[in-house]
Amino acid sequence: MSEESEKQVREPRAPYTATAETAIEERLLERLQVQFPPYFDRFLEERDRRLSSELERLEAAIEHNGAEIARLLKEMNRRFAEAKEDLESLRVEMDRRFAETKESLESLRVEMDRRSAEAKESLESLRVEMDRRFAEAKEERDLLRAEMRSQFRWIIGLLFPLVAGMLAIIVRIFLVGTF
C-alpha cells in the first residue's frame, strides 16, 4: 500500500490552479481556523525535550558502541597479529625440525648403507671361509676313506691266514673227523 501511495505522490500532476471550489475551501478554512489550547506549546516543548533527550541517549549509545567496536576491532587485529606471529614461528620451527629430520634420515641412510656393505663383505668372507672349510672337510673325508680302505686291506691281509687256518681246522674236523 505504501508503494501505491508513493506512486501516487510521484506521478506528475497538472500545475496547481485556483478554481472556484478551491477558493471556497480556503475561505471555509479561514473561518474555521483551528485554535490550539494554551498548554499545546508546553506539550510541544515537552515533546521536543523528550525527543532531544532520547536523541542524546541514542547518540551516547551509538558513541559508546562505536568506541566498543573500535576497541574490539583493535583487540581482534592484535590477536590476529599474535596468531600470525605464532603461526609463522610454528612454520619456522616445523621447517627446522623437517630439516633436522631430513639430515638424520640421510645420516641413517648412509649408516645403513655402510652397515649393509659391511654385512655383505662379512657374508662374502663367511661364504669363502665355508667353501674353504668344505673343501678341507672333503679332502679329509677322502683321506680318511683312503686310510680306512688301506687299514681294511691291511686287517684283511692279517686276518686272511688266520681265517684260512680256522677254515682248514673246521674242514678237517668235520670232513676228516680227527684232529
N, C-alpha and C. Protein backbone atom coordinates (compact mmCIF):
# COMPACT_ATOMS: atom_id res chain seq x y z
N MET A 1 0.82 -1.19 0.00
CA MET A 1 0.00 0.00 0.00
C MET A 1 0.86 1.25 0.00
N SER A 2 1.99 1.20 0.69
CA SER A 2 2.87 2.37 0.71
C SER A 2 3.46 2.61 -0.67
N GLU A 3 3.67 1.52 -1.43
CA GLU A 3 4.19 1.70 -2.79
C GLU A 3 3.19 2.44 -3.66
N GLU A 4 1.91 2.12 -3.47
CA GLU A 4 0.88 2.79 -4.25
C GLU A 4 0.83 4.28 -3.91
N SER A 5 0.94 4.58 -2.60
CA SER A 5 0.89 5.99 -2.21
C SER A 5 2.12 6.71 -2.74
N GLU A 6 3.30 6.00 -2.75
CA GLU A 6 4.49 6.61 -3.31
C GLU A 6 4.31 6.86 -4.80
N LYS A 7 3.69 5.91 -5.46
CA LYS A 7 3.45 6.08 -6.89
C LYS A 7 2.52 7.27 -7.14
N GLN A 8 1.53 7.36 -6.26
CA GLN A 8 0.60 8.46 -6.43
C GLN A 8 1.30 9.79 -6.20
N VAL A 9 2.17 9.83 -5.22
CA VAL A 9 2.86 11.08 -4.93
C VAL A 9 3.81 11.41 -6.06
N ARG A 10 4.42 10.43 -6.65
CA ARG A 10 5.43 10.67 -7.66
C ARG A 10 4.84 10.92 -9.04
N GLU A 11 3.60 10.59 -9.21
CA GLU A 11 3.01 10.82 -10.52
C GLU A 11 2.96 12.31 -10.81
N PRO A 12 3.25 12.67 -12.01
CA PRO A 12 3.19 14.10 -12.34
C PRO A 12 1.73 14.59 -12.34
N ARG A 13 1.56 15.80 -11.84
CA ARG A 13 0.21 16.39 -11.80
C ARG A 13 0.21 17.68 -12.59
N ALA A 14 -0.93 18.04 -12.82
CA ALA A 14 -1.07 19.33 -13.51
C ALA A 14 -0.75 20.43 -12.52
N PRO A 15 -0.16 21.51 -12.96
CA PRO A 15 0.18 22.58 -12.03
C PRO A 15 -1.07 23.08 -11.30
N TYR A 16 -0.83 23.54 -10.06
CA TYR A 16 -1.94 23.98 -9.22
C TYR A 16 -2.52 25.27 -9.77
N THR A 17 -3.81 25.24 -9.94
CA THR A 17 -4.51 26.46 -10.35
C THR A 17 -5.72 26.63 -9.44
N ALA A 18 -5.91 27.78 -9.04
CA ALA A 18 -7.03 28.04 -8.14
C ALA A 18 -8.33 27.98 -8.93
N THR A 19 -9.19 27.24 -8.42
CA THR A 19 -10.50 27.14 -9.05
C THR A 19 -11.52 27.75 -8.10
N ALA A 20 -12.71 27.77 -8.52
CA ALA A 20 -13.75 28.35 -7.69
C ALA A 20 -13.95 27.52 -6.43
N GLU A 21 -13.84 26.17 -6.59
CA GLU A 21 -14.03 25.31 -5.43
C GLU A 21 -12.90 25.51 -4.44
N THR A 22 -11.69 25.69 -4.92
CA THR A 22 -10.54 25.87 -4.05
C THR A 22 -10.71 27.18 -3.28
N ALA A 23 -11.16 28.20 -3.89
CA ALA A 23 -11.35 29.47 -3.22
C ALA A 23 -12.38 29.33 -2.12
N ILE A 24 -13.42 28.58 -2.36
CA ILE A 24 -14.46 28.37 -1.35
C ILE A 24 -13.87 27.59 -0.18
N GLU A 25 -13.07 26.59 -0.50
CA GLU A 25 -12.46 25.78 0.56
C GLU A 25 -11.51 26.64 1.41
N GLU A 26 -10.78 27.53 0.79
CA GLU A 26 -9.86 28.37 1.53
C GLU A 26 -10.62 29.32 2.45
N ARG A 27 -11.67 29.85 1.95
CA ARG A 27 -12.45 30.73 2.80
C ARG A 27 -13.06 29.98 3.96
N LEU A 28 -13.48 28.77 3.70
CA LEU A 28 -14.07 27.97 4.76
C LEU A 28 -13.02 27.66 5.83
N LEU A 29 -11.80 27.38 5.40
CA LEU A 29 -10.72 27.08 6.33
C LEU A 29 -10.36 28.31 7.16
N GLU A 30 -10.43 29.49 6.55
CA GLU A 30 -10.11 30.70 7.29
C GLU A 30 -11.14 30.93 8.39
N ARG A 31 -12.37 30.64 8.10
CA ARG A 31 -13.40 30.82 9.11
C ARG A 31 -13.28 29.78 10.22
N LEU A 32 -12.90 28.59 9.83
CA LEU A 32 -12.84 27.50 10.81
C LEU A 32 -11.43 27.38 11.40
N GLN A 33 -10.69 28.37 11.50
CA GLN A 33 -9.31 28.29 11.99
C GLN A 33 -9.28 27.53 13.29
N VAL A 34 -8.34 26.64 13.32
CA VAL A 34 -8.21 25.78 14.48
C VAL A 34 -7.52 26.57 15.58
N GLN A 35 -8.05 26.47 16.73
CA GLN A 35 -7.48 27.16 17.87
C GLN A 35 -6.88 26.08 18.78
N PHE A 36 -5.60 26.27 19.06
CA PHE A 36 -4.90 25.30 19.91
C PHE A 36 -5.09 25.70 21.35
N PRO A 37 -5.15 24.72 22.23
CA PRO A 37 -5.29 25.05 23.66
C PRO A 37 -4.02 25.69 24.18
N PRO A 38 -4.07 26.38 25.33
CA PRO A 38 -2.91 27.11 25.84
C PRO A 38 -1.74 26.19 26.25
N TYR A 39 -2.01 24.95 26.63
CA TYR A 39 -0.92 24.05 27.05
C TYR A 39 -0.26 23.36 25.85
N PHE A 40 -0.79 23.64 24.65
CA PHE A 40 -0.25 22.97 23.47
C PHE A 40 1.21 23.32 23.25
N ASP A 41 1.60 24.56 23.52
CA ASP A 41 3.01 24.96 23.38
C ASP A 41 3.89 24.20 24.38
N ARG A 42 3.40 24.07 25.61
CA ARG A 42 4.16 23.30 26.61
C ARG A 42 4.28 21.84 26.19
N PHE A 43 3.21 21.34 25.61
CA PHE A 43 3.24 19.95 25.13
C PHE A 43 4.31 19.79 24.06
N LEU A 44 4.38 20.75 23.15
CA LEU A 44 5.39 20.70 22.09
C LEU A 44 6.79 20.81 22.68
N GLU A 45 6.95 21.70 23.66
CA GLU A 45 8.26 21.86 24.29
C GLU A 45 8.67 20.57 25.02
N GLU A 46 7.67 20.00 25.73
CA GLU A 46 7.95 18.74 26.45
C GLU A 46 8.30 17.64 25.45
N ARG A 47 7.58 17.57 24.36
CA ARG A 47 7.85 16.58 23.33
C ARG A 47 9.24 16.81 22.74
N ASP A 48 9.58 18.06 22.46
CA ASP A 48 10.90 18.38 21.92
C ASP A 48 11.99 18.02 22.92
N ARG A 49 11.77 18.33 24.20
CA ARG A 49 12.75 18.00 25.22
C ARG A 49 12.93 16.48 25.34
N ARG A 50 11.84 15.73 25.33
CA ARG A 50 11.92 14.26 25.39
C ARG A 50 12.63 13.70 24.17
N LEU A 51 12.27 14.24 23.01
CA LEU A 51 12.93 13.76 21.78
C LEU A 51 14.42 14.08 21.79
N SER A 52 14.76 15.29 22.26
CA SER A 52 16.18 15.65 22.30
C SER A 52 16.93 14.80 23.32
N SER A 53 16.29 14.51 24.49
CA SER A 53 16.97 13.64 25.47
C SER A 53 17.10 12.23 24.93
N GLU A 54 16.08 11.75 24.23
CA GLU A 54 16.15 10.41 23.61
C GLU A 54 17.23 10.38 22.54
N LEU A 55 17.29 11.45 21.75
CA LEU A 55 18.34 11.54 20.72
C LEU A 55 19.73 11.58 21.37
N GLU A 56 19.86 12.35 22.47
CA GLU A 56 21.14 12.40 23.17
C GLU A 56 21.52 11.03 23.71
N ARG A 57 20.51 10.32 24.29
CA ARG A 57 20.76 8.97 24.81
C ARG A 57 21.18 8.04 23.67
N LEU A 58 20.50 8.11 22.54
CA LEU A 58 20.84 7.27 21.38
C LEU A 58 22.23 7.63 20.84
N GLU A 59 22.53 8.95 20.79
CA GLU A 59 23.85 9.36 20.33
C GLU A 59 24.94 8.85 21.27
N ALA A 60 24.66 8.92 22.59
CA ALA A 60 25.63 8.41 23.57
C ALA A 60 25.81 6.90 23.40
N ALA A 61 24.68 6.19 23.18
CA ALA A 61 24.77 4.74 22.98
C ALA A 61 25.54 4.42 21.69
N ILE A 62 25.27 5.21 20.65
CA ILE A 62 25.98 5.00 19.38
C ILE A 62 27.47 5.27 19.57
N GLU A 63 27.78 6.35 20.28
CA GLU A 63 29.19 6.70 20.53
C GLU A 63 29.86 5.60 21.36
N HIS A 64 29.14 5.14 22.41
CA HIS A 64 29.68 4.06 23.24
C HIS A 64 29.89 2.79 22.41
N ASN A 65 28.88 2.43 21.60
CA ASN A 65 29.01 1.24 20.76
C ASN A 65 30.12 1.40 19.73
N GLY A 66 30.26 2.59 19.19
CA GLY A 66 31.35 2.84 18.24
C GLY A 66 32.71 2.66 18.90
N ALA A 67 32.83 3.19 20.13
CA ALA A 67 34.10 3.03 20.87
C ALA A 67 34.34 1.56 21.19
N GLU A 68 33.29 0.85 21.57
CA GLU A 68 33.41 -0.59 21.87
C GLU A 68 33.80 -1.37 20.61
N ILE A 69 33.18 -1.04 19.50
CA ILE A 69 33.52 -1.70 18.23
C ILE A 69 34.97 -1.41 17.85
N ALA A 70 35.40 -0.15 18.04
CA ALA A 70 36.79 0.21 17.73
C ALA A 70 37.75 -0.56 18.64
N ARG A 71 37.40 -0.68 19.94
CA ARG A 71 38.24 -1.43 20.88
C ARG A 71 38.30 -2.90 20.48
N LEU A 72 37.13 -3.48 20.16
CA LEU A 72 37.10 -4.89 19.75
C LEU A 72 37.86 -5.10 18.44
N LEU A 73 37.76 -4.15 17.52
CA LEU A 73 38.49 -4.25 16.26
C LEU A 73 39.99 -4.22 16.51
N LYS A 74 40.41 -3.30 17.41
CA LYS A 74 41.84 -3.22 17.75
C LYS A 74 42.30 -4.52 18.41
N GLU A 75 41.47 -5.05 19.33
CA GLU A 75 41.80 -6.32 20.01
C GLU A 75 41.86 -7.47 19.00
N MET A 76 40.91 -7.50 18.09
CA MET A 76 40.90 -8.54 17.06
C MET A 76 42.15 -8.45 16.19
N ASN A 77 42.50 -7.25 15.78
CA ASN A 77 43.71 -7.07 14.96
C ASN A 77 44.95 -7.51 15.73
N ARG A 78 45.00 -7.17 17.03
CA ARG A 78 46.14 -7.57 17.86
C ARG A 78 46.21 -9.10 17.95
N ARG A 79 45.06 -9.73 18.19
CA ARG A 79 45.05 -11.19 18.30
C ARG A 79 45.39 -11.85 16.97
N PHE A 80 44.89 -11.29 15.88
CA PHE A 80 45.24 -11.83 14.57
C PHE A 80 46.75 -11.70 14.32
N ALA A 81 47.31 -10.56 14.73
CA ALA A 81 48.76 -10.38 14.56
C ALA A 81 49.52 -11.40 15.41
N GLU A 82 49.06 -11.61 16.67
CA GLU A 82 49.70 -12.62 17.52
C GLU A 82 49.59 -14.00 16.91
N ALA A 83 48.38 -14.33 16.42
CA ALA A 83 48.17 -15.64 15.80
C ALA A 83 49.06 -15.80 14.57
N LYS A 84 49.19 -14.71 13.80
CA LYS A 84 50.05 -14.76 12.61
C LYS A 84 51.51 -14.98 13.01
N GLU A 85 51.95 -14.27 14.08
CA GLU A 85 53.33 -14.46 14.57
C GLU A 85 53.53 -15.88 15.07
N ASP A 86 52.53 -16.39 15.85
CA ASP A 86 52.63 -17.76 16.34
C ASP A 86 52.68 -18.76 15.19
N LEU A 87 51.85 -18.53 14.21
CA LEU A 87 51.82 -19.41 13.04
C LEU A 87 53.15 -19.36 12.30
N GLU A 88 53.70 -18.17 12.17
CA GLU A 88 55.00 -18.03 11.48
C GLU A 88 56.10 -18.72 12.28
N SER A 89 56.07 -18.56 13.62
CA SER A 89 57.10 -19.22 14.44
C SER A 89 56.93 -20.73 14.37
N LEU A 90 55.68 -21.21 14.35
CA LEU A 90 55.45 -22.65 14.19
C LEU A 90 55.95 -23.14 12.84
N ARG A 91 55.72 -22.35 11.80
CA ARG A 91 56.18 -22.73 10.46
C ARG A 91 57.71 -22.81 10.43
N VAL A 92 58.36 -21.83 11.07
CA VAL A 92 59.83 -21.84 11.13
C VAL A 92 60.31 -23.06 11.91
N GLU A 93 59.65 -23.34 13.04
CA GLU A 93 60.03 -24.50 13.86
C GLU A 93 59.82 -25.81 13.08
N MET A 94 58.70 -25.89 12.38
CA MET A 94 58.44 -27.10 11.57
C MET A 94 59.49 -27.25 10.48
N ASP A 95 59.83 -26.15 9.81
CA ASP A 95 60.86 -26.22 8.77
C ASP A 95 62.19 -26.67 9.36
N ARG A 96 62.52 -26.13 10.55
CA ARG A 96 63.78 -26.52 11.21
C ARG A 96 63.76 -28.01 11.56
N ARG A 97 62.65 -28.46 12.12
CA ARG A 97 62.56 -29.87 12.51
C ARG A 97 62.56 -30.78 11.28
N PHE A 98 61.89 -30.35 10.21
CA PHE A 98 61.92 -31.15 8.98
C PHE A 98 63.34 -31.24 8.44
N ALA A 99 64.07 -30.14 8.51
CA ALA A 99 65.46 -30.15 8.05
C ALA A 99 66.30 -31.09 8.92
N GLU A 100 66.11 -31.01 10.25
CA GLU A 100 66.83 -31.90 11.15
C GLU A 100 66.49 -33.36 10.86
N THR A 101 65.19 -33.63 10.67
CA THR A 101 64.76 -34.99 10.38
C THR A 101 65.34 -35.47 9.07
N LYS A 102 65.36 -34.60 8.08
CA LYS A 102 65.93 -34.96 6.79
C LYS A 102 67.42 -35.29 6.93
N GLU A 103 68.13 -34.46 7.71
CA GLU A 103 69.56 -34.72 7.93
C GLU A 103 69.77 -36.04 8.67
N SER A 104 68.95 -36.27 9.72
CA SER A 104 69.11 -37.51 10.48
C SER A 104 68.75 -38.72 9.62
N LEU A 105 67.72 -38.58 8.78
CA LEU A 105 67.37 -39.68 7.87
C LEU A 105 68.49 -39.94 6.88
N GLU A 106 69.10 -38.86 6.40
CA GLU A 106 70.21 -39.02 5.46
C GLU A 106 71.39 -39.71 6.14
N SER A 107 71.70 -39.29 7.39
CA SER A 107 72.81 -39.94 8.11
C SER A 107 72.47 -41.40 8.41
N LEU A 108 71.18 -41.68 8.75
CA LEU A 108 70.77 -43.07 8.97
C LEU A 108 70.89 -43.89 7.68
N ARG A 109 70.53 -43.28 6.57
CA ARG A 109 70.64 -43.98 5.28
C ARG A 109 72.11 -44.30 4.97
N VAL A 110 72.98 -43.33 5.23
CA VAL A 110 74.41 -43.56 5.00
C VAL A 110 74.91 -44.67 5.92
N GLU A 111 74.50 -44.61 7.21
CA GLU A 111 74.89 -45.64 8.17
C GLU A 111 74.36 -47.02 7.75
N MET A 112 73.11 -47.06 7.30
CA MET A 112 72.53 -48.33 6.84
C MET A 112 73.29 -48.86 5.63
N ASP A 113 73.62 -47.98 4.69
CA ASP A 113 74.39 -48.40 3.52
C ASP A 113 75.75 -48.93 3.94
N ARG A 114 76.40 -48.24 4.88
CA ARG A 114 77.72 -48.68 5.36
C ARG A 114 77.61 -50.05 6.02
N ARG A 115 76.61 -50.20 6.91
CA ARG A 115 76.45 -51.48 7.61
C ARG A 115 76.05 -52.59 6.63
N SER A 116 75.25 -52.24 5.67
CA SER A 116 74.86 -53.23 4.66
C SER A 116 76.08 -53.69 3.86
N ALA A 117 76.94 -52.74 3.51
CA ALA A 117 78.17 -53.11 2.80
C ALA A 117 79.05 -53.98 3.68
N GLU A 118 79.16 -53.62 4.98
CA GLU A 118 79.94 -54.44 5.90
C GLU A 118 79.35 -55.84 6.02
N ALA A 119 78.01 -55.92 6.11
CA ALA A 119 77.36 -57.22 6.21
C ALA A 119 77.60 -58.04 4.95
N LYS A 120 77.53 -57.38 3.77
CA LYS A 120 77.81 -58.10 2.52
C LYS A 120 79.23 -58.63 2.51
N GLU A 121 80.17 -57.77 2.95
CA GLU A 121 81.57 -58.20 2.98
C GLU A 121 81.75 -59.36 3.94
N SER A 122 81.13 -59.27 5.15
CA SER A 122 81.29 -60.36 6.12
C SER A 122 80.62 -61.63 5.61
N LEU A 123 79.45 -61.50 4.94
CA LEU A 123 78.79 -62.67 4.37
C LEU A 123 79.65 -63.29 3.28
N GLU A 124 80.24 -62.44 2.46
CA GLU A 124 81.10 -62.95 1.40
C GLU A 124 82.33 -63.65 1.99
N SER A 125 82.91 -63.05 3.03
CA SER A 125 84.07 -63.70 3.66
C SER A 125 83.65 -65.01 4.34
N LEU A 126 82.44 -65.03 4.96
CA LEU A 126 81.94 -66.27 5.55
C LEU A 126 81.72 -67.34 4.48
N ARG A 127 81.18 -66.92 3.34
CA ARG A 127 80.93 -67.86 2.24
C ARG A 127 82.26 -68.44 1.74
N VAL A 128 83.27 -67.58 1.59
CA VAL A 128 84.59 -68.04 1.16
C VAL A 128 85.17 -68.99 2.20
N GLU A 129 85.02 -68.62 3.50
CA GLU A 129 85.53 -69.47 4.59
C GLU A 129 84.82 -70.81 4.60
N MET A 130 83.48 -70.78 4.42
CA MET A 130 82.71 -72.04 4.39
C MET A 130 83.14 -72.90 3.21
N ASP A 131 83.30 -72.29 2.03
CA ASP A 131 83.74 -73.05 0.86
C ASP A 131 85.12 -73.67 1.13
N ARG A 132 86.02 -72.91 1.74
CA ARG A 132 87.36 -73.43 2.05
C ARG A 132 87.27 -74.59 3.03
N ARG A 133 86.43 -74.41 4.09
CA ARG A 133 86.31 -75.49 5.09
C ARG A 133 85.64 -76.72 4.48
N PHE A 134 84.63 -76.48 3.60
CA PHE A 134 84.01 -77.64 2.95
C PHE A 134 85.03 -78.38 2.09
N ALA A 135 85.88 -77.63 1.39
CA ALA A 135 86.92 -78.26 0.59
C ALA A 135 87.89 -79.03 1.48
N GLU A 136 88.29 -78.43 2.62
CA GLU A 136 89.17 -79.12 3.55
C GLU A 136 88.51 -80.38 4.10
N ALA A 137 87.20 -80.25 4.47
CA ALA A 137 86.48 -81.39 5.00
C ALA A 137 86.39 -82.51 3.95
N LYS A 138 86.17 -82.14 2.69
CA LYS A 138 86.09 -83.14 1.62
C LYS A 138 87.44 -83.83 1.45
N GLU A 139 88.50 -83.03 1.52
CA GLU A 139 89.84 -83.63 1.41
C GLU A 139 90.09 -84.57 2.58
N GLU A 140 89.72 -84.15 3.81
CA GLU A 140 89.89 -85.01 4.98
C GLU A 140 89.08 -86.27 4.84
N ARG A 141 87.83 -86.13 4.36
CA ARG A 141 86.97 -87.30 4.16
C ARG A 141 87.61 -88.26 3.18
N ASP A 142 88.10 -87.69 2.07
CA ASP A 142 88.73 -88.56 1.07
C ASP A 142 89.98 -89.22 1.66
N LEU A 143 90.74 -88.47 2.46
CA LEU A 143 91.93 -89.06 3.11
C LEU A 143 91.53 -90.15 4.09
N LEU A 144 90.50 -89.89 4.89
CA LEU A 144 90.03 -90.89 5.85
C LEU A 144 89.51 -92.13 5.13
N ARG A 145 88.79 -91.92 4.04
CA ARG A 145 88.28 -93.04 3.26
C ARG A 145 89.45 -93.87 2.72
N ALA A 146 90.44 -93.19 2.18
CA ALA A 146 91.60 -93.92 1.65
C ALA A 146 92.33 -94.65 2.77
N GLU A 147 92.48 -94.00 3.93
CA GLU A 147 93.15 -94.65 5.05
C GLU A 147 92.35 -95.83 5.56
N MET A 148 90.99 -95.67 5.61
CA MET A 148 90.13 -96.77 6.06
C MET A 148 90.27 -97.96 5.10
N ARG A 149 90.32 -97.69 3.82
CA ARG A 149 90.48 -98.78 2.83
C ARG A 149 91.84 -99.47 3.03
N SER A 150 92.87 -98.65 3.24
CA SER A 150 94.19 -99.27 3.42
C SER A 150 94.22 -100.08 4.71
N GLN A 151 93.60 -99.57 5.80
CA GLN A 151 93.58 -100.33 7.04
C GLN A 151 92.72 -101.58 6.90
N PHE A 152 91.61 -101.45 6.15
CA PHE A 152 90.76 -102.61 5.93
C PHE A 152 91.54 -103.69 5.18
N ARG A 153 92.27 -103.28 4.16
CA ARG A 153 93.07 -104.23 3.39
C ARG A 153 94.17 -104.84 4.27
N TRP A 154 94.77 -104.01 5.12
CA TRP A 154 95.82 -104.49 6.00
C TRP A 154 95.26 -105.50 7.00
N ILE A 155 94.06 -105.16 7.55
CA ILE A 155 93.42 -106.07 8.51
C ILE A 155 93.03 -107.37 7.81
N ILE A 156 92.46 -107.24 6.61
CA ILE A 156 92.08 -108.43 5.87
C ILE A 156 93.34 -109.24 5.55
N GLY A 157 94.40 -108.53 5.22
CA GLY A 157 95.67 -109.22 4.94
C GLY A 157 96.17 -109.97 6.14
N LEU A 158 96.02 -109.40 7.34
CA LEU A 158 96.47 -110.07 8.56
C LEU A 158 95.52 -111.19 8.98
N LEU A 159 94.24 -110.98 8.78
CA LEU A 159 93.25 -111.96 9.22
C LEU A 159 93.07 -113.11 8.23
N PHE A 160 93.47 -112.92 6.99
CA PHE A 160 93.24 -113.96 5.97
C PHE A 160 93.93 -115.28 6.33
N PRO A 161 95.23 -115.26 6.72
CA PRO A 161 95.83 -116.55 7.09
C PRO A 161 95.14 -117.16 8.31
N LEU A 162 94.70 -116.32 9.25
CA LEU A 162 94.03 -116.84 10.44
C LEU A 162 92.70 -117.46 10.07
N VAL A 163 91.95 -116.77 9.23
CA VAL A 163 90.64 -117.28 8.79
C VAL A 163 90.84 -118.55 7.96
N ALA A 164 91.83 -118.55 7.10
CA ALA A 164 92.09 -119.73 6.27
C ALA A 164 92.47 -120.92 7.16
N GLY A 165 93.27 -120.64 8.18
CA GLY A 165 93.65 -121.72 9.11
C GLY A 165 92.46 -122.23 9.87
N MET A 166 91.59 -121.39 10.30
CA MET A 166 90.40 -121.79 11.03
C MET A 166 89.49 -122.62 10.13
N LEU A 167 89.39 -122.20 8.88
CA LEU A 167 88.56 -122.95 7.94
C LEU A 167 89.17 -124.34 7.69
N ALA A 168 90.48 -124.37 7.63
CA ALA A 168 91.14 -125.66 7.42
C ALA A 168 90.89 -126.57 8.61
N ILE A 169 90.91 -126.02 9.81
CA ILE A 169 90.67 -126.82 11.02
C ILE A 169 89.24 -127.31 11.02
N ILE A 170 88.31 -126.43 10.67
CA ILE A 170 86.89 -126.79 10.68
C ILE A 170 86.65 -127.88 9.62
N VAL A 171 87.22 -127.75 8.46
CA VAL A 171 87.03 -128.71 7.38
C VAL A 171 87.64 -130.05 7.82
N ARG A 172 88.73 -130.00 8.41
CA ARG A 172 89.40 -131.22 8.84
C ARG A 172 88.60 -131.93 9.92
N ILE A 173 88.03 -131.19 10.85
CA ILE A 173 87.27 -131.82 11.93
C ILE A 173 86.01 -132.43 11.36
N PHE A 174 85.33 -131.71 10.52
CA PHE A 174 84.04 -132.20 10.04
C PHE A 174 84.24 -133.25 8.92
N LEU A 175 85.21 -133.05 8.10
CA LEU A 175 85.37 -133.96 6.97
C LEU A 175 86.26 -135.16 7.36
N VAL A 176 87.29 -134.89 8.02
CA VAL A 176 88.24 -135.98 8.34
C VAL A 176 87.79 -136.63 9.66
N GLY A 177 87.42 -135.93 10.56
CA GLY A 177 86.89 -136.42 11.78
C GLY A 177 87.87 -136.50 12.92
N THR A 178 89.11 -136.40 12.70
CA THR A 178 90.06 -136.42 13.81
C THR A 178 90.88 -135.15 13.77
N PHE A 179 91.38 -134.88 14.87
CA PHE A 179 92.18 -133.69 14.97
C PHE A 179 93.58 -134.01 14.68
